[in-house]
Amino acid sequence: MIKNNPNIPFSREFVISSFDVDAKKQTSMQAISRYLQEIATLHADNLKFGFHDMMEQNRGWLLAQMIIRVERFPLIHEKIKVTTWSNGVDGRYATRDFSITDKNEGLIALASSSW
């Protein structure tokens, strides 16, 4: 097995905090976006392409586009699993996909991004 392969899914669990929900106790779209960006950052760090690694080369990542399809918005204190993987390079852009699932592996959201 190849260690630190960008195509192998990378996951972390998070618990929805009170500051990430609205009056209905549901996450906001902004919160979902933050979880996606956080997992992308953690994965890049794990692959040695993170912020500090890129700064040493006078380079950086810039999120160009993200498309998110939300099936439902998680509730306060709900445990979610956020997963990401690379889809390679398309011209100048690195593409990355995401999924968010609940504790029963039920789909919460899918996303695709270009960096």
Protein backbone atom coordinates (compact mmCIF):
# COMPACT_ATOMS: atom_id res chain seq x y z
CA MET A 1 0.00 0.00 0.00
CA ILE A 2 1.25 3.48 -0.90
CA LYS A 3 1.37 5.77 2.10
CA ASN A 4 -0.10 9.26 1.77
CA ASN A 5 -1.75 8.59 -1.59
CA PRO A 6 -3.99 11.60 -2.40
CA ASN A 7 -6.54 9.33 -4.12
CA ILE A 8 -7.17 7.28 -0.97
CA PRO A 9 -10.11 8.74 0.99
CA PHE A 10 -9.14 10.73 4.10
CA SER A 11 -11.75 11.07 6.88
CA ARG A 12 -12.32 12.71 10.23
CA GLU A 13 -15.28 12.81 12.59
CA PHE A 14 -16.66 16.08 13.90
CA VAL A 15 -19.45 16.98 16.33
CA ILE A 16 -21.71 19.85 15.32
CA SER A 17 -21.12 22.69 17.76
CA SER A 18 -23.65 25.21 19.00
CA PHE A 19 -21.92 28.02 17.08
CA ASP A 20 -22.49 26.16 13.79
CA VAL A 21 -26.29 26.00 13.98
CA ASP A 22 -29.23 28.33 13.39
CA ALA A 23 -32.44 28.87 15.38
CA LYS A 24 -33.74 25.50 14.11
CA LYS A 25 -30.62 23.83 15.59
CA GLN A 26 -29.46 22.91 12.07
CA THR A 27 -26.05 23.59 10.58
CA SER A 28 -25.73 26.48 8.20
CA MET A 29 -24.32 26.26 4.67
CA GLN A 30 -21.35 28.29 5.95
CA ALA A 31 -20.65 25.67 8.61
CA ILE A 32 -20.79 22.85 6.07
CA SER A 33 -18.35 24.81 3.90
CA ARG A 34 -15.99 25.20 6.88
CA TYR A 35 -16.02 21.45 7.59
CA LEU A 36 -15.17 20.77 3.94
CA GLN A 37 -12.35 23.28 3.95
CA GLU A 38 -11.05 21.87 7.25
CA ILE A 39 -10.87 18.31 5.94
CA ALA A 40 -9.14 19.53 2.76
CA THR A 41 -6.57 21.35 4.92
CA LEU A 42 -5.99 18.31 7.13
CA HIS A 43 -5.59 16.06 4.09
CA ALA A 44 -3.16 18.46 2.42
CA ASP A 45 -1.13 18.64 5.64
CA ASN A 46 -1.07 14.83 5.80
CA LEU A 47 0.18 14.68 2.20
CA LYS A 48 2.88 17.30 2.89
CA PHE A 49 1.11 19.81 0.63
CA GLY A 50 -0.27 21.90 3.48
CA PHE A 51 0.06 25.60 4.19
CA HIS A 52 3.55 25.44 5.72
CA ASP A 53 4.84 23.01 3.09
CA MET A 54 3.61 25.24 0.29
CA MET A 55 4.95 28.44 1.92
CA GLU A 56 8.44 26.92 1.90
CA GLN A 57 8.10 26.79 -1.90
CA ASN A 58 6.55 30.28 -2.13
CA ARG A 59 3.29 28.68 -3.24
CA GLY A 60 -0.20 28.30 -1.86
CA TRP A 61 -3.63 26.86 -2.46
CA LEU A 62 -6.59 28.96 -3.56
CA LEU A 63 -10.11 27.56 -3.64
CA ALA A 64 -11.45 28.45 -7.09
CA GLN A 65 -14.83 26.72 -7.04
CA MET A 66 -16.93 24.45 -4.85
CA ILE A 67 -20.25 22.84 -5.67
CA ILE A 68 -22.17 21.42 -2.69
CA ARG A 69 -25.31 19.26 -2.75
CA VAL A 70 -26.92 19.03 0.69
CA GLU A 71 -29.39 16.23 1.38
CA ARG A 72 -30.08 17.46 4.90
CA PHE A 73 -28.51 19.81 7.43
CA PRO A 74 -27.07 18.07 10.52
CA LEU A 75 -28.41 19.03 13.94
CA ILE A 76 -26.62 20.42 16.98
CA HIS A 77 -24.35 17.87 18.72
CA GLU A 78 -24.74 15.39 15.85
CA LYS A 79 -21.62 13.41 14.97
CA ILE A 80 -20.66 13.58 11.30
CA LYS A 81 -17.93 11.98 9.22
CA VAL A 82 -16.30 14.18 6.58
CA THR A 83 -14.32 12.41 3.85
CA THR A 84 -12.25 13.82 0.99
CA TRP A 85 -10.13 12.49 -1.84
CA SER A 86 -8.25 13.89 -4.81
CA ASN A 87 -9.54 13.50 -8.34
CA GLY A 88 -6.20 14.50 -9.81
CA VAL A 89 -5.29 17.50 -11.89
CA ASP A 90 -7.32 19.04 -14.69
CA GLY A 91 -5.16 21.61 -16.45
CA ARG A 92 -4.16 24.20 -13.85
CA TYR A 93 -6.61 22.93 -11.27
CA ALA A 94 -6.40 20.19 -8.68
CA THR A 95 -9.84 18.67 -8.15
CA ARG A 96 -11.08 17.30 -4.84
CA ASP A 97 -14.35 15.62 -3.88
CA PHE A 98 -16.05 15.27 -0.50
CA SER A 99 -18.80 13.43 1.31
CA ILE A 100 -20.44 14.03 4.67
CA THR A 101 -22.25 11.15 6.33
CA ASP A 102 -24.01 10.61 9.64
CA LYS A 103 -23.32 7.95 12.29
CA ASN A 104 -25.35 5.41 10.27
CA GLU A 105 -23.41 6.21 7.05
CA GLY A 106 -26.47 8.07 5.74
CA LEU A 107 -25.62 10.73 3.17
CA ILE A 108 -25.71 14.31 4.39
CA ALA A 109 -23.87 16.13 1.58
CA LEU A 110 -21.60 15.69 -1.43
CA ALA A 111 -19.23 18.30 -2.83
CA SER A 112 -16.71 18.82 -5.58
CA SER A 113 -14.03 21.51 -5.68
CA SER A 114 -11.30 23.00 -7.85
CA TRP A 115 -8.15 24.48 -6.34
